[in-house]
């Protein structure tokens, strides 16, 4: 293997639980969406508010 490979990120059970809940809630948001013409805008707004309400420290982990 190449030594240039990045090591795997360290995740905790709290990180995993946050991601599981985020994905479940995002799935529900998609299912409840009636108008997909503005889906990108609606999704971005939903994601931003989700991180504001929950724990914004995960935003960097998810985005990066």
Protein backbone atom coordinates (compact mmCIF):
# COMPACT_ATOMS: atom_id res chain seq x y z
CA UNK A 1 0.00 0.00 0.00
CA UNK A 2 0.99 3.55 -0.56
CA UNK A 3 2.05 5.62 2.41
CA UNK A 4 0.11 8.58 0.98
CA UNK A 5 -3.24 7.03 1.90
CA UNK A 6 -5.19 8.86 4.54
CA UNK A 7 -5.91 7.00 7.71
CA UNK A 8 -9.52 6.21 8.49
CA UNK A 9 -11.28 8.86 10.55
CA UNK A 10 -11.98 8.07 14.16
CA UNK A 11 -15.68 7.88 14.86
CA UNK A 12 -17.46 7.44 18.13
CA UNK A 13 -20.81 5.86 18.84
CA UNK A 14 -22.17 9.39 19.37
CA UNK A 15 -21.01 10.28 15.83
CA UNK A 16 -22.62 7.15 14.45
CA UNK A 17 -25.89 7.82 16.27
CA UNK A 18 -25.96 11.38 15.00
CA UNK A 19 -25.45 10.20 11.42
CA UNK A 20 -28.09 7.50 11.72
CA UNK A 21 -30.63 9.98 13.08
CA UNK A 22 -29.70 12.56 10.47
CA UNK A 23 -30.20 10.07 7.65
CA UNK A 24 -33.52 8.86 9.06
CA UNK A 25 -34.80 12.41 9.41
CA UNK A 26 -33.56 13.34 5.95
CA UNK A 27 -35.33 10.32 4.51
CA UNK A 28 -38.56 11.40 6.23
CA UNK A 29 -38.14 14.91 4.86
CA UNK A 30 -37.80 13.51 1.33
CA UNK A 31 -40.86 11.29 1.74
CA UNK A 32 -42.94 14.22 3.00
CA UNK A 33 -41.85 16.53 0.18
CA UNK A 34 -44.68 17.38 -2.20
CA UNK A 35 -42.87 19.72 -4.57
CA UNK A 36 -39.56 18.59 -6.00
CA UNK A 37 -39.13 21.65 -8.19
CA UNK A 38 -37.27 23.40 -5.36
CA UNK A 39 -35.90 20.26 -3.74
CA UNK A 40 -32.28 21.45 -3.68
CA UNK A 41 -33.19 24.71 -1.95
CA UNK A 42 -35.53 22.98 0.50
CA UNK A 43 -32.89 20.34 1.29
CA UNK A 44 -30.17 22.90 1.95
CA UNK A 45 -32.46 24.87 4.25
CA UNK A 46 -33.51 21.71 6.07
CA UNK A 47 -29.91 20.55 6.54
CA UNK A 48 -28.80 23.95 7.84
CA UNK A 49 -31.65 24.11 10.33
CA UNK A 50 -31.04 20.50 11.38
CA UNK A 51 -27.45 21.30 12.30
CA UNK A 52 -28.47 24.50 14.08
CA UNK A 53 -31.05 22.66 16.15
CA UNK A 54 -28.90 19.65 16.91
CA UNK A 55 -25.15 19.92 17.09
CA UNK A 56 -23.34 22.18 14.63
CA UNK A 57 -19.97 20.55 15.37
CA UNK A 58 -21.01 17.72 13.06
CA UNK A 59 -21.47 20.07 10.13
CA UNK A 60 -17.74 20.19 9.45
CA UNK A 61 -17.47 16.41 9.69
CA UNK A 62 -20.31 15.85 7.24
CA UNK A 63 -19.39 18.58 4.77
CA UNK A 64 -15.67 17.84 4.69
